[in-house]
Amino acid sequence: AMGGIYQDMGEIHHSYKEALQILDSKYWVGIGGILSQADITAYKEENFYYPPEKERFIINATISGSFESAAKAALEIFEDNFEKRCLKPESRYHLFMAMTGTIIRIFQKANLTSRDVFGKDCDIYDEMLNSKDLYQLRNKLVNIYRALCEKIAGNHKNREDKLKDRLIACVESSYSRYDFSLNDMAE
């Protein structure tokens, strides 16, 4: 991958960033060999940018309940594709489906349903698809990640509280025993 040529040494970091972007794009474009920025530019109109590593990061951040990390990564993808690129409508739809698919995978991985998170059954695809514009779609995306992270964090807290209560009950019921040990608590 070759980044652009810059006259000033202070702009060499732009070339490096372009080369990294070319390497990321290489997998989506499907071209082998040496690529330059000019080779990739033609594909920007038709292909969206959503690398698998970024999707995995978003899923893991959400599953761990880290709203800030998950939302930041999802919004980077959203802004890079919907605001910075001139994607064809078909490509925008494919990106939309990929981003919505990520949300569905989070629901599955967290063993949650829309009723668990939103208090009602809803179709995430329809919910996102019914956005009037990109601004509303962006807000729905953020709100869905917020709701998922809050629910997941709440579930973690509930599990921790239940475990703590069980441990306290075990200690209270067995504390007077002379042979009480950590092995008893582990059971």
C-alpha atoms as a PDB file:
ATOM      1  CA  ALA A   1       0.000   0.000   0.000  1.00  0.00           C
ATOM      2  CA  MET A   2       1.263   3.438  -0.913  1.00  0.00           C
ATOM      3  CA  GLY A   3      -0.051   6.619   0.633  1.00  0.00           C
ATOM      4  CA  GLY A   4      -0.036   9.935  -1.175  1.00  0.00           C
ATOM      5  CA  ILE A   5       3.058  12.021  -1.860  1.00  0.00           C
ATOM      6  CA  TYR A   6       3.396  15.186   0.212  1.00  0.00           C
ATOM      7  CA  GLN A   7       5.974  17.947  -0.224  1.00  0.00           C
ATOM      8  CA  ASP A   8       6.170  18.972   3.440  1.00  0.00           C
ATOM      9  CA  MET A   9       7.624  16.580   6.051  1.00  0.00           C
ATOM     10  CA  GLY A  10       4.960  17.785   8.484  1.00  0.00           C
ATOM     11  CA  GLU A  11       2.298  16.137   6.315  1.00  0.00           C
ATOM     12  CA  ILE A  12       3.916  12.716   6.064  1.00  0.00           C
ATOM     13  CA  HIS A  13       1.463  11.371   8.630  1.00  0.00           C
ATOM     14  CA  HIS A  14      -1.287  11.853   6.019  1.00  0.00           C
ATOM     15  CA  SER A  15       0.520   9.426   3.728  1.00  0.00           C
ATOM     16  CA  TYR A  16       0.786   6.904   6.547  1.00  0.00           C
ATOM     17  CA  LYS A  17      -2.935   7.192   7.345  1.00  0.00           C
ATOM     18  CA  GLU A  18      -3.793   6.757   3.671  1.00  0.00           C
ATOM     19  CA  ALA A  19      -1.626   3.637   3.481  1.00  0.00           C
ATOM     20  CA  LEU A  20      -3.416   2.178   6.509  1.00  0.00           C
ATOM     21  CA  GLN A  21      -6.774   2.976   4.952  1.00  0.00           C
ATOM     22  CA  ILE A  22      -5.664   1.325   1.722  1.00  0.00           C
ATOM     23  CA  LEU A  23      -4.659  -1.808   3.638  1.00  0.00           C
ATOM     24  CA  ASP A  24      -8.063  -1.891   5.311  1.00  0.00           C
ATOM     25  CA  SER A  25      -9.808  -1.314   1.971  1.00  0.00           C
ATOM     26  CA  LYS A  26      -7.763  -4.020   0.257  1.00  0.00           C
ATOM     27  CA  TYR A  27      -9.923  -6.734   1.790  1.00  0.00           C
ATOM     28  CA  TRP A  28     -13.146  -5.082   0.704  1.00  0.00           C
ATOM     29  CA  VAL A  29     -11.903  -4.320  -2.790  1.00  0.00           C
ATOM     30  CA  GLY A  30     -10.375  -7.756  -3.285  1.00  0.00           C
ATOM     31  CA  ILE A  31      -7.288  -6.619  -5.171  1.00  0.00           C
ATOM     32  CA  GLY A  32      -3.857  -8.084  -4.566  1.00  0.00           C
ATOM     33  CA  GLY A  33      -0.536  -6.386  -5.174  1.00  0.00           C
ATOM     34  CA  ILE A  34       0.486  -2.780  -4.631  1.00  0.00           C
ATOM     35  CA  LEU A  35      -2.355  -0.345  -4.183  1.00  0.00           C
ATOM     36  CA  SER A  36      -2.306   3.431  -4.205  1.00  0.00           C
ATOM     37  CA  GLN A  37      -4.866   5.988  -3.077  1.00  0.00           C
ATOM     38  CA  ALA A  38      -5.991   6.361  -6.714  1.00  0.00           C
ATOM     39  CA  ASP A  39      -6.849   2.632  -6.876  1.00  0.00           C
ATOM     40  CA  ILE A  40      -9.081   2.898  -3.816  1.00  0.00           C
ATOM     41  CA  THR A  41     -10.765   6.212  -4.682  1.00  0.00           C
ATOM     42  CA  ALA A  42     -12.830   4.630  -7.439  1.00  0.00           C
ATOM     43  CA  TYR A  43     -14.313   2.165  -4.959  1.00  0.00           C
ATOM     44  CA  LYS A  44     -15.303   4.658  -2.295  1.00  0.00           C
ATOM     45  CA  GLU A  45     -18.515   5.432  -4.110  1.00  0.00           C
ATOM     46  CA  GLU A  46     -19.667   1.818  -4.169  1.00  0.00           C
ATOM     47  CA  ASN A  47     -18.138   0.182  -1.102  1.00  0.00           C
ATOM     48  CA  PHE A  48     -18.650   1.003   2.531  1.00  0.00           C
ATOM     49  CA  TYR A  49     -16.049   0.693   5.266  1.00  0.00           C
ATOM     50  CA  TYR A  50     -16.938  -1.626   8.175  1.00  0.00           C
ATOM     51  CA  PRO A  51     -14.021  -3.912   9.031  1.00  0.00           C
ATOM     52  CA  PRO A  52     -14.701  -7.084  11.015  1.00  0.00           C
ATOM     53  CA  GLU A  53     -12.280  -5.972  13.745  1.00  0.00           C
ATOM     54  CA  LYS A  54     -14.339  -2.837  14.335  1.00  0.00           C
ATOM     55  CA  GLU A  55     -17.553  -4.867  14.487  1.00  0.00           C
ATOM     56  CA  ARG A  56     -16.007  -7.248  17.027  1.00  0.00           C
ATOM     57  CA  PHE A  57     -14.847  -4.269  19.072  1.00  0.00           C
ATOM     58  CA  ILE A  58     -18.364  -2.792  19.069  1.00  0.00           C
ATOM     59  CA  ILE A  59     -19.888  -6.129  20.096  1.00  0.00           C
ATOM     60  CA  ASN A  60     -17.358  -6.695  22.896  1.00  0.00           C
ATOM     61  CA  ALA A  61     -17.648  -3.122  24.191  1.00  0.00           C
ATOM     62  CA  THR A  62     -21.426  -3.403  24.302  1.00  0.00           C
ATOM     63  CA  ILE A  63     -21.356  -6.844  25.946  1.00  0.00           C
ATOM     64  CA  SER A  64     -19.045  -5.440  28.625  1.00  0.00           C
ATOM     65  CA  GLY A  65     -21.487  -2.550  29.179  1.00  0.00           C
ATOM     66  CA  SER A  66     -19.101   0.166  27.964  1.00  0.00           C
ATOM     67  CA  PHE A  67     -21.491   2.560  26.258  1.00  0.00           C
ATOM     68  CA  GLU A  68     -18.894   5.252  25.530  1.00  0.00           C
ATOM     69  CA  SER A  69     -16.563   2.845  23.717  1.00  0.00           C
ATOM     70  CA  ALA A  70     -19.334   1.104  21.791  1.00  0.00           C
ATOM     71  CA  ALA A  71     -21.052   4.326  20.724  1.00  0.00           C
ATOM     72  CA  LYS A  72     -17.785   6.011  19.749  1.00  0.00           C
ATOM     73  CA  ALA A  73     -16.750   3.097  17.528  1.00  0.00           C
ATOM     74  CA  ALA A  74     -20.209   2.776  15.952  1.00  0.00           C
ATOM     75  CA  LEU A  75     -20.384   6.522  15.297  1.00  0.00           C
ATOM     76  CA  GLU A  76     -16.924   6.482  13.699  1.00  0.00           C
ATOM     77  CA  ILE A  77     -18.182   3.886  11.218  1.00  0.00           C
ATOM     78  CA  PHE A  78     -21.427   5.790  10.723  1.00  0.00           C
ATOM     79  CA  GLU A  79     -19.712   9.136  10.109  1.00  0.00           C
ATOM     80  CA  ASP A  80     -16.950   7.699   7.946  1.00  0.00           C
ATOM     81  CA  ASN A  81     -19.479   6.100   5.630  1.00  0.00           C
ATOM     82  CA  PHE A  82     -22.584   8.261   5.709  1.00  0.00           C
ATOM     83  CA  GLU A  83     -20.987  11.679   6.125  1.00  0.00           C
ATOM     84  CA  LYS A  84     -17.503  11.504   4.582  1.00  0.00           C
ATOM     85  CA  ARG A  85     -18.107   9.144   1.669  1.00  0.00           C
ATOM     86  CA  CYS A  86     -20.496   9.527  -1.196  1.00  0.00           C
ATOM     87  CA  LEU A  87     -21.948   6.051  -1.095  1.00  0.00           C
ATOM     88  CA  LYS A  88     -24.455   4.907  -3.649  1.00  0.00           C
ATOM     89  CA  PRO A  89     -27.907   4.188  -2.195  1.00  0.00           C
ATOM     90  CA  GLU A  90     -27.380   0.446  -2.523  1.00  0.00           C
ATOM     91  CA  SER A  91     -24.119   0.661  -0.566  1.00  0.00           C
ATOM     92  CA  ARG A  92     -25.768   2.782   2.108  1.00  0.00           C
ATOM     93  CA  TYR A  93     -28.453   0.143   2.483  1.00  0.00           C
ATOM     94  CA  HIS A  94     -25.863  -2.629   2.753  1.00  0.00           C
ATOM     95  CA  LEU A  95     -24.002  -0.693   5.454  1.00  0.00           C
ATOM     96  CA  PHE A  96     -27.266  -0.062   7.264  1.00  0.00           C
ATOM     97  CA  MET A  97     -28.007  -3.803   7.177  1.00  0.00           C
ATOM     98  CA  ALA A  98     -24.490  -4.614   8.419  1.00  0.00           C
ATOM     99  CA  MET A  99     -24.763  -2.175  11.329  1.00  0.00           C
ATOM    100  CA  THR A 100     -28.224  -3.446  12.219  1.00  0.00           C
ATOM    101  CA  GLY A 101     -26.897  -7.007  11.992  1.00  0.00           C
ATOM    102  CA  THR A 102     -24.266  -6.074  14.566  1.00  0.00           C
ATOM    103  CA  ILE A 103     -27.010  -4.977  16.943  1.00  0.00           C
ATOM    104  CA  ILE A 104     -28.878  -8.253  16.388  1.00  0.00           C
ATOM    105  CA  ARG A 105     -25.673 -10.201  17.110  1.00  0.00           C
ATOM    106  CA  ILE A 106     -25.295  -8.277  20.378  1.00  0.00           C
ATOM    107  CA  PHE A 107     -28.846  -9.237  21.358  1.00  0.00           C
ATOM    108  CA  GLN A 108     -28.040 -12.878  20.617  1.00  0.00           C
ATOM    109  CA  LYS A 109     -24.670 -12.868  22.374  1.00  0.00           C
ATOM    110  CA  ALA A 110     -26.159 -11.212  25.471  1.00  0.00           C
ATOM    111  CA  ASN A 111     -29.124 -13.601  25.366  1.00  0.00           C
ATOM    112  CA  LEU A 112     -31.570 -10.671  25.287  1.00  0.00           C
ATOM    113  CA  THR A 113     -34.722  -9.839  23.361  1.00  0.00           C
ATOM    114  CA  SER A 114     -36.098  -6.459  22.373  1.00  0.00           C
ATOM    115  CA  ARG A 115     -38.732  -6.934  25.110  1.00  0.00           C
ATOM    116  CA  ASP A 116     -35.926  -7.321  27.689  1.00  0.00           C
ATOM    117  CA  VAL A 117     -34.251  -4.095  26.582  1.00  0.00           C
ATOM    118  CA  PHE A 118     -37.119  -1.850  25.429  1.00  0.00           C
ATOM    119  CA  GLY A 119     -40.043  -3.308  27.359  1.00  0.00           C
ATOM    120  CA  LYS A 120     -41.849  -4.251  24.158  1.00  0.00           C
ATOM    121  CA  ASP A 121     -41.341  -6.473  21.145  1.00  0.00           C
ATOM    122  CA  CYS A 122     -39.943  -4.540  18.224  1.00  0.00           C
ATOM    123  CA  ASP A 123     -38.155  -5.343  15.022  1.00  0.00           C
ATOM    124  CA  ILE A 124     -34.771  -3.611  15.120  1.00  0.00           C
ATOM    125  CA  TYR A 125     -34.538  -3.583  11.308  1.00  0.00           C
ATOM    126  CA  ASP A 126     -37.910  -1.859  10.989  1.00  0.00           C
ATOM    127  CA  GLU A 127     -37.116   0.497  13.835  1.00  0.00           C
ATOM    128  CA  MET A 128     -33.900   1.622  12.145  1.00  0.00           C
ATOM    129  CA  LEU A 129     -35.358   1.557   8.639  1.00  0.00           C
ATOM    130  CA  ASN A 130     -38.187   3.902   9.614  1.00  0.00           C
ATOM    131  CA  SER A 131     -35.747   6.734  10.305  1.00  0.00           C
ATOM    132  CA  LYS A 132     -36.656   9.918   8.426  1.00  0.00           C
ATOM    133  CA  ASP A 133     -33.077  10.968   7.813  1.00  0.00           C
ATOM    134  CA  LEU A 134     -29.478  10.212   8.725  1.00  0.00           C
ATOM    135  CA  TYR A 135     -29.678  12.370  11.842  1.00  0.00           C
ATOM    136  CA  GLN A 136     -32.578  10.322  13.202  1.00  0.00           C
ATOM    137  CA  LEU A 137     -30.857   7.069  12.203  1.00  0.00           C
ATOM    138  CA  ARG A 138     -27.715   8.185  14.052  1.00  0.00           C
ATOM    139  CA  ASN A 139     -29.745   9.027  17.173  1.00  0.00           C
ATOM    140  CA  LYS A 140     -31.577   5.683  17.075  1.00  0.00           C
ATOM    141  CA  LEU A 141     -28.249   3.892  16.768  1.00  0.00           C
ATOM    142  CA  VAL A 142     -26.869   5.705  19.822  1.00  0.00           C
ATOM    143  CA  ASN A 143     -30.062   5.104  21.825  1.00  0.00           C
ATOM    144  CA  ILE A 144     -30.056   1.394  21.023  1.00  0.00           C
ATOM    145  CA  TYR A 145     -26.430   1.040  22.162  1.00  0.00           C
ATOM    146  CA  ARG A 146     -27.218   3.039  25.310  1.00  0.00           C
ATOM    147  CA  ALA A 147     -30.219   0.827  26.125  1.00  0.00           C
ATOM    148  CA  LEU A 148     -28.249  -2.362  25.468  1.00  0.00           C
ATOM    149  CA  CYS A 149     -25.309  -1.252  27.621  1.00  0.00           C
ATOM    150  CA  GLU A 150     -27.586  -0.165  30.472  1.00  0.00           C
ATOM    151  CA  LYS A 151     -29.475  -3.467  30.392  1.00  0.00           C
ATOM    152  CA  ILE A 152     -26.282  -5.530  30.216  1.00  0.00           C
ATOM    153  CA  ALA A 153     -24.642  -3.506  33.014  1.00  0.00           C
ATOM    154  CA  GLY A 154     -27.814  -3.939  35.091  1.00  0.00           C
ATOM    155  CA  ASN A 155     -27.747  -7.692  34.489  1.00  0.00           C
ATOM    156  CA  HIS A 156     -24.092  -7.838  35.617  1.00  0.00           C
ATOM    157  CA  LYS A 157     -24.969  -5.868  38.755  1.00  0.00           C
ATOM    158  CA  ASN A 158     -27.925  -8.173  39.512  1.00  0.00           C
ATOM    159  CA  ARG A 159     -25.732 -11.276  39.154  1.00  0.00           C
ATOM    160  CA  GLU A 160     -23.071  -9.748  41.392  1.00  0.00           C
ATOM    161  CA  ASP A 161     -25.679  -8.833  44.018  1.00  0.00           C
ATOM    162  CA  LYS A 162     -27.151 -12.350  43.972  1.00  0.00           C
ATOM    163  CA  LEU A 163     -23.703 -13.920  44.349  1.00  0.00           C
ATOM    164  CA  LYS A 164     -22.842 -11.556  47.199  1.00  0.00           C
ATOM    165  CA  ASP A 165     -26.123 -12.398  48.959  1.00  0.00           C
ATOM    166  CA  ARG A 166     -25.482 -16.132  48.563  1.00  0.00           C
ATOM    167  CA  LEU A 167     -21.968 -15.789  49.974  1.00  0.00           C
ATOM    168  CA  ILE A 168     -23.181 -13.776  52.954  1.00  0.00           C
ATOM    169  CA  ALA A 169     -25.951 -16.309  53.642  1.00  0.00           C
ATOM    170  CA  CYS A 170     -23.417 -19.147  53.456  1.00  0.00           C
ATOM    171  CA  VAL A 171     -21.054 -17.419  55.878  1.00  0.00           C
ATOM    172  CA  GLU A 172     -23.858 -16.529  58.288  1.00  0.00           C
ATOM    173  CA  SER A 173     -25.271 -20.052  58.319  1.00  0.00           C
ATOM    174  CA  SER A 174     -21.907 -21.802  58.678  1.00  0.00           C
ATOM    175  CA  TYR A 175     -19.783 -19.331  60.616  1.00  0.00           C
ATOM    176  CA  SER A 176     -20.198 -21.097  63.950  1.00  0.00           C
ATOM    177  CA  ARG A 177     -18.984 -24.432  62.548  1.00  0.00           C
ATOM    178  CA  TYR A 178     -15.422 -25.234  63.611  1.00  0.00           C
ATOM    179  CA  ASP A 179     -14.674 -26.936  60.237  1.00  0.00           C
ATOM    180  CA  PHE A 180     -16.010 -24.071  58.039  1.00  0.00           C
ATOM    181  CA  SER A 181     -13.587 -23.335  55.191  1.00  0.00           C
ATOM    182  CA  LEU A 182     -13.278 -21.593  51.850  1.00  0.00           C
ATOM    183  CA  ASN A 183     -14.124 -24.879  50.152  1.00  0.00           C
ATOM    184  CA  ASP A 184     -17.538 -24.744  51.801  1.00  0.00           C
ATOM    185  CA  MET A 185     -18.092 -21.274  50.356  1.00  0.00           C
ATOM    186  CA  ALA A 186     -16.970 -22.373  46.909  1.00  0.00           C
ATOM    187  CA  GLU A 187     -19.674 -25.032  46.839  1.00  0.00           C
END
